[in-house]
Amino acid sequence: QVQLAESGGGLVQAGGSQRLSCAASGSIFSIITINDMGWYRQAPGKQRELVATITRGGSTNYADSVKGRFIISRDNAKRTVYLQMNSLKPEDTAVYLCNAATLDKRTNYWGQGTQVTVSS
């Protein structure tokens, strides 16, 4: 099993920046199977949506709504993924959830989520 612990959420003004972190821990035998790590978000009354993902090799994928504003990075040695969020908008307000997935995407692990609130 893999546990994911997020940190870094909170209240920020529009136009500001915030950095989220997510550290993986647990069985080493499970952790070594993780290929993709990433961030999803869910706003009240809306479906969960992908924000950004990064593979073990460093390939990234972003939602169109955050391209050019958010940067995802990963430290494999620390088993940690980061999300640098710049030029934040009120519509970025959501619970941000960390995800880790195996290469075949059959096994997914989720964090508890961290609230990000952007005030206008």
PDB file of N, CA and C in Angstrom:
ATOM      1  N   GLN A   1       0.829  -1.194   0.000  1.00  0.00           N
ATOM      2  CA  GLN A   1       0.000   0.000   0.000  1.00  0.00           C
ATOM      3  C   GLN A   1       0.867   1.249   0.000  1.00  0.00           C
ATOM      4  N   VAL A   2       0.318   2.308  -0.586  1.00  0.00           N
ATOM      5  CA  VAL A   2       1.007   3.591  -0.653  1.00  0.00           C
ATOM      6  C   VAL A   2       0.121   4.646  -0.006  1.00  0.00           C
ATOM      7  N   GLN A   3       0.705   5.445   0.834  1.00  0.00           N
ATOM      8  CA  GLN A   3      -0.004   6.581   1.423  1.00  0.00           C
ATOM      9  C   GLN A   3       0.550   7.870   0.821  1.00  0.00           C
ATOM     10  N   LEU A   4      -0.356   8.792   0.544  1.00  0.00           N
ATOM     11  CA  LEU A   4       0.027  10.084  -0.026  1.00  0.00           C
ATOM     12  C   LEU A   4      -0.387  11.189   0.941  1.00  0.00           C
ATOM     13  N   ALA A   5       0.551  12.053   1.247  1.00  0.00           N
ATOM     14  CA  ALA A   5       0.284  13.141   2.178  1.00  0.00           C
ATOM     15  C   ALA A   5       0.528  14.472   1.486  1.00  0.00           C
ATOM     16  N   GLU A   6      -0.566  15.251   1.328  1.00  0.00           N
ATOM     17  CA  GLU A   6      -0.459  16.561   0.684  1.00  0.00           C
ATOM     18  C   GLU A   6      -0.228  17.656   1.710  1.00  0.00           C
ATOM     19  N   SER A   7       0.391  18.728   1.242  1.00  0.00           N
ATOM     20  CA  SER A   7       0.560  19.914   2.076  1.00  0.00           C
ATOM     21  C   SER A   7       0.658  21.130   1.172  1.00  0.00           C
ATOM     22  N   GLY A   8       0.395  22.293   1.756  1.00  0.00           N
ATOM     23  CA  GLY A   8       0.613  23.538   1.033  1.00  0.00           C
ATOM     24  C   GLY A   8      -0.633  24.286   0.619  1.00  0.00           C
ATOM     25  N   GLY A   9      -1.800  23.773   0.906  1.00  0.00           N
ATOM     26  CA  GLY A   9      -3.013  24.488   0.524  1.00  0.00           C
ATOM     27  C   GLY A   9      -3.284  25.674   1.430  1.00  0.00           C
ATOM     28  N   GLY A  10      -4.350  26.404   1.123  1.00  0.00           N
ATOM     29  CA  GLY A  10      -4.721  27.545   1.939  1.00  0.00           C
ATOM     30  C   GLY A  10      -5.403  28.620   1.119  1.00  0.00           C
ATOM     31  N   LEU A  11      -5.455  29.806   1.693  1.00  0.00           N
ATOM     32  CA  LEU A  11      -6.114  30.951   1.059  1.00  0.00           C
ATOM     33  C   LEU A  11      -5.072  31.847   0.404  1.00  0.00           C
ATOM     34  N   VAL A  12      -5.353  32.254  -0.822  1.00  0.00           N
ATOM     35  CA  VAL A  12      -4.442  33.128  -1.555  1.00  0.00           C
ATOM     36  C   VAL A  12      -5.272  34.096  -2.392  1.00  0.00           C
ATOM     37  N   GLN A  13      -4.746  35.270  -2.618  1.00  0.00           N
ATOM     38  CA  GLN A  13      -5.443  36.255  -3.445  1.00  0.00           C
ATOM     39  C   GLN A  13      -5.238  35.954  -4.926  1.00  0.00           C
ATOM     40  N   ALA A  14      -6.192  36.357  -5.719  1.00  0.00           N
ATOM     41  CA  ALA A  14      -6.076  36.194  -7.168  1.00  0.00           C
ATOM     42  C   ALA A  14      -4.799  36.860  -7.668  1.00  0.00           C
ATOM     43  N   GLY A  15      -4.125  36.154  -8.564  1.00  0.00           N
ATOM     44  CA  GLY A  15      -2.852  36.648  -9.071  1.00  0.00           C
ATOM     45  C   GLY A  15      -1.652  36.146  -8.291  1.00  0.00           C
ATOM     46  N   GLY A  16      -1.926  35.554  -7.152  1.00  0.00           N
ATOM     47  CA  GLY A  16      -0.852  35.071  -6.296  1.00  0.00           C
ATOM     48  C   GLY A  16      -0.373  33.693  -6.688  1.00  0.00           C
ATOM     49  N   SER A  17       0.537  33.163  -5.872  1.00  0.00           N
ATOM     50  CA  SER A  17       1.134  31.853  -6.131  1.00  0.00           C
ATOM     51  C   SER A  17       1.023  30.968  -4.901  1.00  0.00           C
ATOM     52  N   GLN A  18       1.068  29.685  -5.149  1.00  0.00           N
ATOM     53  CA  GLN A  18       1.046  28.708  -4.068  1.00  0.00           C
ATOM     54  C   GLN A  18       1.716  27.436  -4.554  1.00  0.00           C
ATOM     55  N   ARG A  19       2.341  26.720  -3.633  1.00  0.00           N
ATOM     56  CA  ARG A  19       3.021  25.476  -3.985  1.00  0.00           C
ATOM     57  C   ARG A  19       2.470  24.339  -3.152  1.00  0.00           C
ATOM     58  N   LEU A  20       2.053  23.292  -3.841  1.00  0.00           N
ATOM     59  CA  LEU A  20       1.569  22.092  -3.175  1.00  0.00           C
ATOM     60  C   LEU A  20       2.647  21.015  -3.232  1.00  0.00           C
ATOM     61  N   SER A  21       2.696  20.194  -2.190  1.00  0.00           N
ATOM     62  CA  SER A  21       3.611  19.064  -2.146  1.00  0.00           C
ATOM     63  C   SER A  21       2.833  17.806  -1.804  1.00  0.00           C
ATOM     64  N   CYS A  22       3.321  16.686  -2.297  1.00  0.00           N
ATOM     65  CA  CYS A  22       2.694  15.400  -1.988  1.00  0.00           C
ATOM     66  C   CYS A  22       3.797  14.367  -1.845  1.00  0.00           C
ATOM     67  N   ALA A  23       3.897  13.785  -0.660  1.00  0.00           N
ATOM     68  CA  ALA A  23       4.928  12.802  -0.379  1.00  0.00           C
ATOM     69  C   ALA A  23       4.318  11.414  -0.281  1.00  0.00           C
ATOM     70  N   ALA A  24       4.945  10.462  -0.933  1.00  0.00           N
ATOM     71  CA  ALA A  24       4.484   9.070  -0.904  1.00  0.00           C
ATOM     72  C   ALA A  24       5.268   8.285   0.133  1.00  0.00           C
ATOM     73  N   SER A  25       4.562   7.421   0.836  1.00  0.00           N
ATOM     74  CA  SER A  25       5.202   6.549   1.814  1.00  0.00           C
ATOM     75  C   SER A  25       4.472   5.211   1.825  1.00  0.00           C
ATOM     76  N   GLY A  26       5.083   4.226   2.490  1.00  0.00           N
ATOM     77  CA  GLY A  26       4.442   2.922   2.583  1.00  0.00           C
ATOM     78  C   GLY A  26       5.359   1.818   2.123  1.00  0.00           C
ATOM     79  N   SER A  27       4.749   0.764   1.637  1.00  0.00           N
ATOM     80  CA  SER A  27       5.494  -0.413   1.204  1.00  0.00           C
ATOM     81  C   SER A  27       6.403  -0.077   0.030  1.00  0.00           C
ATOM     82  N   ILE A  28       7.681  -0.381   0.176  1.00  0.00           N
ATOM     83  CA  ILE A  28       8.635  -0.094  -0.893  1.00  0.00           C
ATOM     84  C   ILE A  28       8.282  -0.902  -2.141  1.00  0.00           C
ATOM     85  N   PHE A  29       7.705  -2.071  -1.914  1.00  0.00           N
ATOM     86  CA  PHE A  29       7.339  -2.912  -3.042  1.00  0.00           C
ATOM     87  C   PHE A  29       6.198  -2.318  -3.840  1.00  0.00           C
ATOM     88  N   SER A  30       5.357  -1.537  -3.185  1.00  0.00           N
ATOM     89  CA  SER A  30       4.277  -0.833  -3.882  1.00  0.00           C
ATOM     90  C   SER A  30       4.782   0.460  -4.495  1.00  0.00           C
ATOM     91  N   ILE A  31       5.636   1.160  -3.769  1.00  0.00           N
ATOM     92  CA  ILE A  31       6.130   2.448  -4.252  1.00  0.00           C
ATOM     93  C   ILE A  31       6.904   2.301  -5.551  1.00  0.00           C
ATOM     94  N   ILE A  32       7.674   1.232  -5.675  1.00  0.00           N
ATOM     95  CA  ILE A  32       8.493   1.094  -6.880  1.00  0.00           C
ATOM     96  C   ILE A  32       7.638   0.798  -8.113  1.00  0.00           C
ATOM     97  N   THR A  33       6.377   0.455  -7.906  1.00  0.00           N
ATOM     98  CA  THR A  33       5.500   0.215  -9.059  1.00  0.00           C
ATOM     99  C   THR A  33       4.851   1.500  -9.563  1.00  0.00           C
ATOM    100  N   ILE A  34       4.995   2.575  -8.799  1.00  0.00           N
ATOM    101  CA  ILE A  34       4.368   3.840  -9.188  1.00  0.00           C
ATOM    102  C   ILE A  34       5.107   4.451 -10.369  1.00  0.00           C
ATOM    103  N   ASN A  35       4.358   4.807 -11.428  1.00  0.00           N
ATOM    104  CA  ASN A  35       4.964   5.476 -12.564  1.00  0.00           C
ATOM    105  C   ASN A  35       4.506   6.934 -12.649  1.00  0.00           C
ATOM    106  N   ASP A  36       3.188   7.109 -12.626  1.00  0.00           N
ATOM    107  CA  ASP A  36       2.634   8.459 -12.739  1.00  0.00           C
ATOM    108  C   ASP A  36       2.311   9.030 -11.363  1.00  0.00           C
ATOM    109  N   MET A  37       2.623  10.291 -11.183  1.00  0.00           N
ATOM    110  CA  MET A  37       2.129  11.037 -10.022  1.00  0.00           C
ATOM    111  C   MET A  37       1.523  12.324 -10.540  1.00  0.00           C
ATOM    112  N   GLY A  38       0.524  12.810  -9.823  1.00  0.00           N
ATOM    113  CA  GLY A  38      -0.102  14.013 -10.338  1.00  0.00           C
ATOM    114  C   GLY A  38      -1.108  14.616  -9.394  1.00  0.00           C
ATOM    115  N   TRP A  39      -1.784  15.614  -9.912  1.00  0.00           N
ATOM    116  CA  TRP A  39      -2.766  16.371  -9.155  1.00  0.00           C
ATOM    117  C   TRP A  39      -4.081  16.440  -9.905  1.00  0.00           C
ATOM    118  N   TYR A  40      -5.144  16.239  -9.168  1.00  0.00           N
ATOM    119  CA  TYR A  40      -6.496  16.433  -9.649  1.00  0.00           C
ATOM    120  C   TYR A  40      -7.150  17.454  -8.718  1.00  0.00           C
ATOM    121  N   ARG A  41      -8.273  17.991  -9.141  1.00  0.00           N
ATOM    122  CA  ARG A  41      -8.993  18.912  -8.268  1.00  0.00           C
ATOM    123  C   ARG A  41     -10.494  18.716  -8.431  1.00  0.00           C
ATOM    124  N   GLN A  42     -11.191  19.071  -7.365  1.00  0.00           N
ATOM    125  CA  GLN A  42     -12.645  18.966  -7.386  1.00  0.00           C
ATOM    126  C   GLN A  42     -13.236  20.173  -6.686  1.00  0.00           C
ATOM    127  N   ALA A  43     -14.004  20.933  -7.430  1.00  0.00           N
ATOM    128  CA  ALA A  43     -14.695  22.097  -6.885  1.00  0.00           C
ATOM    129  C   ALA A  43     -16.105  21.677  -6.474  1.00  0.00           C
ATOM    130  N   PRO A  44     -16.736  22.402  -5.566  1.00  0.00           N
ATOM    131  CA  PRO A  44     -18.089  22.053  -5.126  1.00  0.00           C
ATOM    132  C   PRO A  44     -19.061  21.948  -6.299  1.00  0.00           C
ATOM    133  N   GLY A  45     -19.780  20.837  -6.356  1.00  0.00           N
ATOM    134  CA  GLY A  45     -20.772  20.650  -7.398  1.00  0.00           C
ATOM    135  C   GLY A  45     -20.209  20.276  -8.752  1.00  0.00           C
ATOM    136  N   LYS A  46     -18.893  20.062  -8.820  1.00  0.00           N
ATOM    137  CA  LYS A  46     -18.270  19.719 -10.102  1.00  0.00           C
ATOM    138  C   LYS A  46     -17.571  18.377 -10.016  1.00  0.00           C
ATOM    139  N   GLN A  47     -17.313  17.802 -11.179  1.00  0.00           N
ATOM    140  CA  GLN A  47     -16.602  16.530 -11.220  1.00  0.00           C
ATOM    141  C   GLN A  47     -15.116  16.742 -10.983  1.00  0.00           C
ATOM    142  N   ARG A  48     -14.487  15.700 -10.507  1.00  0.00           N
ATOM    143  CA  ARG A  48     -13.043  15.741 -10.346  1.00  0.00           C
ATOM    144  C   ARG A  48     -12.388  15.867 -11.718  1.00  0.00           C
ATOM    145  N   GLU A  49     -11.370  16.717 -11.813  1.00  0.00           N
ATOM    146  CA  GLU A  49     -10.699  16.916 -13.084  1.00  0.00           C
ATOM    147  C   GLU A  49      -9.192  16.854 -12.920  1.00  0.00           C
ATOM    148  N   LEU A  50      -8.545  16.429 -13.985  1.00  0.00           N
ATOM    149  CA  LEU A  50      -7.085  16.362 -13.993  1.00  0.00           C
ATOM    150  C   LEU A  50      -6.528  17.773 -14.032  1.00  0.00           C
ATOM    151  N   VAL A  51      -5.475  17.995 -13.255  1.00  0.00           N
ATOM    152  CA  VAL A  51      -4.748  19.264 -13.291  1.00  0.00           C
ATOM    153  C   VAL A  51      -3.428  19.068 -14.025  1.00  0.00           C
ATOM    154  N   ALA A  52      -2.622  18.128 -13.536  1.00  0.00           N
ATOM    155  CA  ALA A  52      -1.321  17.865 -14.152  1.00  0.00           C
ATOM    156  C   ALA A  52      -0.797  16.530 -13.672  1.00  0.00           C
ATOM    157  N   THR A  53      -0.062  15.851 -14.544  1.00  0.00           N
ATOM    158  CA  THR A  53       0.589  14.605 -14.172  1.00  0.00           C
ATOM    159  C   THR A  53       2.029  14.613 -14.658  1.00  0.00           C
ATOM    160  N   ILE A  54       2.831  13.770 -14.029  1.00  0.00           N
ATOM    161  CA  ILE A  54       4.236  13.639 -14.431  1.00  0.00           C
ATOM    162  C   ILE A  54       4.642  12.184 -14.258  1.00  0.00           C
ATOM    163  N   THR A  55       5.356  11.667 -15.243  1.00  0.00           N
ATOM    164  CA  THR A  55       5.795  10.278 -15.161  1.00  0.00           C
ATOM    165  C   THR A  55       7.126  10.188 -14.408  1.00  0.00           C
ATOM    166  N   ARG A  56       7.518   8.974 -14.107  1.00  0.00           N
ATOM    167  CA  ARG A  56       8.804   8.764 -13.433  1.00  0.00           C
ATOM    168  C   ARG A  56       9.942   9.348 -14.259  1.00  0.00           C
ATOM    169  N   GLY A  57       9.786   9.299 -15.572  1.00  0.00           N
ATOM    170  CA  GLY A  57      10.821   9.813 -16.463  1.00  0.00           C
ATOM    171  C   GLY A  57      10.769  11.310 -16.688  1.00  0.00           C
ATOM    172  N   GLY A  58       9.719  11.956 -16.171  1.00  0.00           N
ATOM    173  CA  GLY A  58       9.642  13.414 -16.256  1.00  0.00           C
ATOM    174  C   GLY A  58       8.718  13.960 -17.324  1.00  0.00           C
ATOM    175  N   SER A  59       8.005  13.106 -18.049  1.00  0.00           N
ATOM    176  CA  SER A  59       7.048  13.601 -19.036  1.00  0.00           C
ATOM    177  C   SER A  59       5.838  14.182 -18.321  1.00  0.00           C
ATOM    178  N   THR A  60       5.383  15.341 -18.792  1.00  0.00           N
ATOM    179  CA  THR A  60       4.294  16.039 -18.114  1.00  0.00           C
ATOM    180  C   THR A  60       3.064  16.179 -18.993  1.00  0.00           C
ATOM    181  N   ASN A  61       1.939  16.346 -18.334  1.00  0.00           N
ATOM    182  CA  ASN A  61       0.667  16.564 -19.018  1.00  0.00           C
ATOM    183  C   ASN A  61      -0.129  17.557 -18.183  1.00  0.00           C
ATOM    184  N   TYR A  62      -0.712  18.561 -18.837  1.00  0.00           N
ATOM    185  CA  TYR A  62      -1.450  19.607 -18.121  1.00  0.00           C
ATOM    186  C   TYR A  62      -2.849  19.774 -18.703  1.00  0.00           C
ATOM    187  N   ALA A  63      -3.770  20.139 -17.845  1.00  0.00           N
ATOM    188  CA  ALA A  63      -5.072  20.561 -18.317  1.00  0.00           C
ATOM    189  C   ALA A  63      -4.903  21.899 -19.035  1.00  0.00           C
ATOM    190  N   ASP A  64      -5.705  22.118 -20.078  1.00  0.00           N
ATOM    191  CA  ASP A  64      -5.599  23.360 -20.835  1.00  0.00           C
ATOM    192  C   ASP A  64      -5.788  24.589 -19.942  1.00  0.00           C
ATOM    193  N   SER A  65      -6.625  24.457 -18.936  1.00  0.00           N
ATOM    194  CA  SER A  65      -6.958  25.591 -18.077  1.00  0.00           C
ATOM    195  C   SER A  65      -5.795  26.061 -17.217  1.00  0.00           C
ATOM    196  N   VAL A  66      -4.756  25.228 -17.065  1.00  0.00           N
ATOM    197  CA  VAL A  66      -3.636  25.602 -16.194  1.00  0.00           C
ATOM    198  C   VAL A  66      -2.322  25.729 -16.949  1.00  0.00           C
ATOM    199  N   LYS A  67      -2.325  25.409 -18.234  1.00  0.00           N
ATOM    200  CA  LYS A  67      -1.084  25.501 -19.015  1.00  0.00           C
ATOM    201  C   LYS A  67      -0.543  26.921 -18.987  1.00  0.00           C
ATOM    202  N   GLY A  68       0.760  27.025 -18.776  1.00  0.00           N
ATOM    203  CA  GLY A  68       1.401  28.322 -18.715  1.00  0.00           C
ATOM    204  C   GLY A  68       1.337  28.980 -17.345  1.00  0.00           C
ATOM    205  N   ARG A  69       0.539  28.418 -16.440  1.00  0.00           N
ATOM    206  CA  ARG A  69       0.427  28.983 -15.089  1.00  0.00           C
ATOM    207  C   ARG A  69       0.931  28.011 -14.017  1.00  0.00           C
ATOM    208  N   PHE A  70       0.694  26.729 -14.195  1.00  0.00           N
ATOM    209  CA  PHE A  70       1.081  25.719 -13.207  1.00  0.00           C
ATOM    210  C   PHE A  70       2.277  24.923 -13.730  1.00  0.00           C
ATOM    211  N   ILE A  71       3.123  24.513 -12.807  1.00  0.00           N
ATOM    212  CA  ILE A  71       4.263  23.680 -13.146  1.00  0.00           C
ATOM    213  C   ILE A  71       4.311  22.495 -12.195  1.00  0.00           C
ATOM    214  N   ILE A  72       4.339  21.284 -12.763  1.00  0.00           N
ATOM    215  CA  ILE A  72       4.446  20.083 -11.949  1.00  0.00           C
ATOM    216  C   ILE A  72       5.885  19.582 -12.020  1.00  0.00           C
ATOM    217  N   SER A  73       6.392  19.121 -10.888  1.00  0.00           N
ATOM    218  CA  SER A  73       7.739  18.566 -10.844  1.00  0.00           C
ATOM    219  C   SER A  73       7.763  17.407  -9.854  1.00  0.00           C
ATOM    220  N   ARG A  74       8.873  16.678  -9.893  1.00  0.00           N
ATOM    221  CA  ARG A  74       8.913  15.446  -9.099  1.00  0.00           C
ATOM    222  C   ARG A  74      10.337  15.186  -8.648  1.00  0.00           C
ATOM    223  N   ASP A  75      10.476  14.743  -7.436  1.00  0.00           N
ATOM    224  CA  ASP A  75      11.765  14.317  -6.892  1.00  0.00           C
ATOM    225  C   ASP A  75      11.623  12.847  -6.555  1.00  0.00           C
ATOM    226  N   ASN A  76      12.123  11.984  -7.430  1.00  0.00           N
ATOM    227  CA  ASN A  76      11.950  10.549  -7.224  1.00  0.00           C
ATOM    228  C   ASN A  76      12.662  10.062  -5.961  1.00  0.00           C
ATOM    229  N   ALA A  77      13.798  10.649  -5.657  1.00  0.00           N
ATOM    230  CA  ALA A  77      14.536  10.233  -4.469  1.00  0.00           C
ATOM    231  C   ALA A  77      13.742  10.520  -3.198  1.00  0.00           C
ATOM    232  N   LYS A  78      12.995  11.624  -3.215  1.00  0.00           N
ATOM    233  CA  LYS A  78      12.183  11.992  -2.050  1.00  0.00           C
ATOM    234  C   LYS A  78      10.760  11.463  -2.170  1.00  0.00           C
ATOM    235  N   ARG A  79      10.458  10.802  -3.270  1.00  0.00           N
ATOM    236  CA  ARG A  79       9.108  10.254  -3.489  1.00  0.00           C
ATOM    237  C   ARG A  79       8.064  11.367  -3.356  1.00  0.00           C
ATOM    238  N   THR A  80       8.372  12.506  -3.903  1.00  0.00           N
ATOM    239  CA  THR A  80       7.515  13.688  -3.728  1.00  0.00           C
ATOM    240  C   THR A  80       7.224  14.344  -5.069  1.00  0.00           C
ATOM    241  N   VAL A  81       5.981  14.783  -5.222  1.00  0.00           N
ATOM    242  CA  VAL A  81       5.575  15.543  -6.396  1.00  0.00           C
ATOM    243  C   VAL A  81       5.130  16.925  -5.933  1.00  0.00           C
ATOM    244  N   TYR A  82       5.424  17.919  -6.746  1.00  0.00           N
ATOM    245  CA  TYR A  82       5.109  19.304  -6.407  1.00  0.00           C
ATOM    246  C   TYR A  82       4.219  19.913  -7.488  1.00  0.00           C
ATOM    247  N   LEU A  83       3.428  20.897  -7.085  1.00  0.00           N
ATOM    248  CA  LEU A  83       2.647  21.668  -8.041  1.00  0.00           C
ATOM    249  C   LEU A  83       2.835  23.138  -7.706  1.00  0.00           C
ATOM    250  N   GLN A  84       3.559  23.830  -8.549  1.00  0.00           N
ATOM    251  CA  GLN A  84       3.729  25.270  -8.399  1.00  0.00           C
ATOM    252  C   GLN A  84       2.615  25.957  -9.165  1.00  0.00           C
ATOM    253  N   MET A  85       1.800  26.708  -8.459  1.00  0.00           N
ATOM    254  CA  MET A  85       0.638  27.356  -9.065  1.00  0.00           C
ATOM    255  C   MET A  85       0.862  28.868  -9.062  1.00  0.00           C
ATOM    256  N   ASN A  86       0.891  29.450 -10.233  1.00  0.00           N
ATOM    257  CA  ASN A  86       1.102  30.888 -10.398  1.00  0.00           C
ATOM    258  C   ASN A  86      -0.111  31.523 -11.051  1.00  0.00           C
ATOM    259  N   SER A  87      -0.206  32.832 -10.923  1.00  0.00           N
ATOM    260  CA  SER A  87      -1.311  33.581 -11.533  1.00  0.00           C
ATOM    261  C   SER A  87      -2.652  32.936 -11.213  1.00  0.00           C
ATOM    262  N   LEU A  88      -2.853  32.637  -9.959  1.00  0.00           N
ATOM    263  CA  LEU A  88      -4.060  31.930  -9.549  1.00  0.00           C
ATOM    264  C   LEU A  88      -5.317  32.761  -9.792  1.00  0.00           C
ATOM    265  N   LYS A  89      -6.382  32.054 -10.135  1.00  0.00           N
ATOM    266  CA  LYS A  89      -7.672  32.668 -10.424  1.00  0.00           C
ATOM    267  C   LYS A  89      -8.716  32.109  -9.464  1.00  0.00           C
ATOM    268  N   PRO A  90      -9.790  32.851  -9.226  1.00  0.00           N
ATOM    269  CA  PRO A  90     -10.845  32.321  -8.347  1.00  0.00           C
ATOM    270  C   PRO A  90     -11.371  30.969  -8.812  1.00  0.00           C
ATOM    271  N   GLU A  91     -11.388  30.741 -10.115  1.00  0.00           N
ATOM    272  CA  GLU A  91     -11.877  29.456 -10.622  1.00  0.00           C
ATOM    273  C   GLU A  91     -10.928  28.300 -10.351  1.00  0.00           C
ATOM    274  N   ASP A  92      -9.752  28.579  -9.822  1.00  0.00           N
ATOM    275  CA  ASP A  92      -8.841  27.515  -9.400  1.00  0.00           C
ATOM    276  C   ASP A  92      -9.204  26.988  -8.008  1.00  0.00           C
ATOM    277  N   THR A  93     -10.146  27.624  -7.360  1.00  0.00           N
ATOM    278  CA  THR A  93     -10.567  27.203  -6.027  1.00  0.00           C
ATOM    279  C   THR A  93     -11.142  25.791  -6.079  1.00  0.00           C
ATOM    280  N   ALA A  94     -10.585  24.916  -5.259  1.00  0.00           N
ATOM    281  CA  ALA A  94     -11.004  23.507  -5.254  1.00  0.00           C
ATOM    282  C   ALA A  94     -10.226  22.756  -4.184  1.00  0.00           C
ATOM    283  N   VAL A  95     -10.646  21.526  -3.960  1.00  0.00           N
ATOM    284  CA  VAL A  95      -9.818  20.593  -3.192  1.00  0.00           C
ATOM    285  C   VAL A  95      -8.870  19.925  -4.185  1.00  0.00           C
ATOM    286  N   TYR A  96      -7.595  20.007  -3.898  1.00  0.00           N
ATOM    287  CA  TYR A  96      -6.581  19.431  -4.772  1.00  0.00           C
ATOM    288  C   TYR A  96      -6.143  18.093  -4.187  1.00  0.00           C
ATOM    289  N   LEU A  97      -6.227  17.064  -5.011  1.00  0.00           N
ATOM    290  CA  LEU A  97      -5.923  15.705  -4.573  1.00  0.00           C
ATOM    291  C   LEU A  97      -4.705  15.173  -5.310  1.00  0.00           C
ATOM    292  N   CYS A  98      -3.826  14.579  -4.543  1.00  0.00           N
ATOM    293  CA  CYS A  98      -2.630  13.947  -5.100  1.00  0.00           C
ATOM    294  C   CYS A  98      -2.986  12.524  -5.547  1.00  0.00           C
ATOM    295  N   ASN A  99      -2.419  12.131  -6.662  1.00  0.00           N
ATOM    296  CA  ASN A  99      -2.661  10.791  -7.205  1.00  0.00           C
ATOM    297  C   ASN A  99      -1.347  10.131  -7.576  1.00  0.00           C
ATOM    298  N   ALA A 100      -1.279   8.827  -7.348  1.00  0.00           N
ATOM    299  CA  ALA A 100      -0.138   8.032  -7.802  1.00  0.00           C
ATOM    300  C   ALA A 100      -0.694   6.799  -8.482  1.00  0.00           C
ATOM    301  N   ALA A 101      -0.141   6.455  -9.630  1.00  0.00           N
ATOM    302  CA  ALA A 101      -0.682   5.341 -10.401  1.00  0.00           C
ATOM    303  C   ALA A 101       0.431   4.474 -10.958  1.00  0.00           C
ATOM    304  N   THR A 102       0.107   3.190 -11.107  1.00  0.00           N
ATOM    305  CA  THR A 102       1.040   2.277 -11.735  1.00  0.00           C
ATOM    306  C   THR A 102       1.063   2.509 -13.241  1.00  0.00           C
ATOM    307  N   LEU A 103       2.049   1.947 -13.903  1.00  0.00           N
ATOM    308  CA  LEU A 103       2.219   2.172 -15.334  1.00  0.00           C
ATOM    309  C   LEU A 103       0.976   1.758 -16.116  1.00  0.00           C
ATOM    310  N   ASP A 104       0.343   0.665 -15.720  1.00  0.00           N
ATOM    311  CA  ASP A 104      -0.839   0.198 -16.443  1.00  0.00           C
ATOM    312  C   ASP A 104      -2.115   0.884 -15.976  1.00  0.00           C
ATOM    313  N   LYS A 105      -1.989   1.830 -15.045  1.00  0.00           N
ATOM    314  CA  LYS A 105      -3.106   2.632 -14.522  1.00  0.00           C
ATOM    315  C   LYS A 105      -4.136   1.788 -13.773  1.00  0.00           C
ATOM    316  N   ARG A 106      -3.851   0.517 -13.526  1.00  0.00           N
ATOM    317  CA  ARG A 106      -4.838  -0.326 -12.861  1.00  0.00           C
ATOM    318  C   ARG A 106      -4.910  -0.057 -11.365  1.00  0.00           C
ATOM    319  N   THR A 107      -3.832   0.436 -10.802  1.00  0.00           N
ATOM    320  CA  THR A 107      -3.823   0.726  -9.374  1.00  0.00           C
ATOM    321  C   THR A 107      -3.587   2.209  -9.175  1.00  0.00           C
ATOM    322  N   ASN A 108      -4.493   2.821  -8.436  1.00  0.00           N
ATOM    323  CA  ASN A 108      -4.407   4.248  -8.153  1.00  0.00           C
ATOM    324  C   ASN A 108      -4.456   4.477  -6.650  1.00  0.00           C
ATOM    325  N   TYR A 109      -3.644   5.376  -6.197  1.00  0.00           N
ATOM    326  CA  TYR A 109      -3.667   5.790  -4.798  1.00  0.00           C
ATOM    327  C   TYR A 109      -4.030   7.277  -4.758  1.00  0.00           C
ATOM    328  N   TRP A 110      -4.765   7.660  -3.706  1.00  0.00           N
ATOM    329  CA  TRP A 110      -5.207   9.039  -3.577  1.00  0.00           C
ATOM    330  C   TRP A 110      -4.857   9.586  -2.202  1.00  0.00           C
ATOM    331  N   GLY A 111      -4.519  10.849  -2.175  1.00  0.00           N
ATOM    332  CA  GLY A 111      -4.358  11.540  -0.911  1.00  0.00           C
ATOM    333  C   GLY A 111      -5.696  12.024  -0.398  1.00  0.00           C
ATOM    334  N   GLN A 112      -5.674  12.622   0.790  1.00  0.00           N
ATOM    335  CA  GLN A 112      -6.916  13.107   1.404  1.00  0.00           C
ATOM    336  C   GLN A 112      -7.392  14.403   0.765  1.00  0.00           C
ATOM    337  N   GLY A 113      -6.482  15.136   0.158  1.00  0.00           N
ATOM    338  CA  GLY A 113      -6.834  16.398  -0.472  1.00  0.00           C
ATOM    339  C   GLY A 113      -6.460  17.588   0.385  1.00  0.00           C
ATOM    340  N   THR A 114      -6.179  18.692  -0.281  1.00  0.00           N
ATOM    341  CA  THR A 114      -5.880  19.936   0.407  1.00  0.00           C
ATOM    342  C   THR A 114      -6.665  21.073  -0.264  1.00  0.00           C
ATOM    343  N   GLN A 115      -7.274  21.905   0.545  1.00  0.00           N
ATOM    344  CA  GLN A 115      -8.125  22.966   0.021  1.00  0.00           C
ATOM    345  C   GLN A 115      -7.281  24.143  -0.456  1.00  0.00           C
ATOM    346  N   VAL A 116      -7.565  24.596  -1.659  1.00  0.00           N
ATOM    347  CA  VAL A 116      -6.973  25.826  -2.187  1.00  0.00           C
ATOM    348  C   VAL A 116      -8.120  26.786  -2.471  1.00  0.00           C
ATOM    349  N   THR A 117      -8.065  27.945  -1.867  1.00  0.00           N
ATOM    350  CA  THR A 117      -9.102  28.954  -2.053  1.00  0.00           C
ATOM    351  C   THR A 117      -8.463  30.233  -2.572  1.00  0.00           C
ATOM    352  N   VAL A 118      -8.944  30.688  -3.731  1.00  0.00           N
ATOM    353  CA  VAL A 118      -8.415  31.897  -4.349  1.00  0.00           C
ATOM    354  C   VAL A 118      -9.470  32.989  -4.252  1.00  0.00           C
ATOM    355  N   SER A 119      -9.162  34.045  -3.556  1.00  0.00           N
ATOM    356  CA  SER A 119     -10.118  35.145  -3.369  1.00  0.00           C
ATOM    357  C   SER A 119      -9.920  36.196  -4.449  1.00  0.00           C
ATOM    358  N   SER A 120     -11.036  36.795  -4.848  1.00  0.00           N
ATOM    359  CA  SER A 120     -10.961  37.813  -5.919  1.00  0.00           C
ATOM    360  C   SER A 120     -10.757  39.206  -5.343  1.00  0.00           C
TER     361      SER A 120
END
